[in-house]
Amino acid sequence: MRLRPFRRFTIETPLAPEEVRARLRDAVVSPWSGLFSSAKPEHLLVGRVEGNSFHVKRNVHPRLRYDSWSQRPRSFLPHVRGMIEPSGSGTRLSGTMQLHVLVVPFAGVYLAGAVIVFLLLAARIVADRRLEPFMLVILLVPLSVIVGVSASTFGGFSRETGWALHELGRLVDASSAELVRTSRSNTLP
């Protein structure tokens, strides 16, 4: 079991590789654009497209995107890295989606602290050889932190990868889009 949120994806499109690169470039704005940039709401993604590779994430600048997705936590945005490859009569986009490199250690330290507190409290209960109701309630606090942080990290990432896969597929008129690590295949209209 992989403990770090990570997904591989494949998107098939009937478009030529040049057209796919052009569409990606049109949808991507540089992350270094800054406050006085030319970024507009139609820039769906932030990142870069270089040759046959791309590294992007969703554009969540609050002044640019006024939809329900822009109000979501930004920590769980997948960083999408991929390649544009010719495939038969069309193009294949394949790559990975993963959390920002700093989110994983932060969540890991937070979870480790909660696990340590849980184990210390459980050891105290076992050492005292008596089970008092208030100790069980106290034991639930670090346990709920462990469950909550894990669920929000993996759940938020899973939701955002679905959005990213759908929007990338829509951008390049995908005939099919699939997260490789799951058995579910999403066919896009």
Foldseek 3Di string as FASTA:
>chain_A
DDLFDKWKKKFWFLAALVVLLVLLVVLEDEPPQPDPHPDALSNQWYWDDDDFKTWIWGDLDPVHDDDPVSVDDPQLIWTWIWGWADDDNTIMIITMTGGDPVSVVVLVVQLVVLVVVLVVLVVVCVVVVDDDPVSVVVSVVSVCVNVVSSCCNNVSNVVNVVVVQQVSCVSRVTQWMDTVVDPDTDGHD
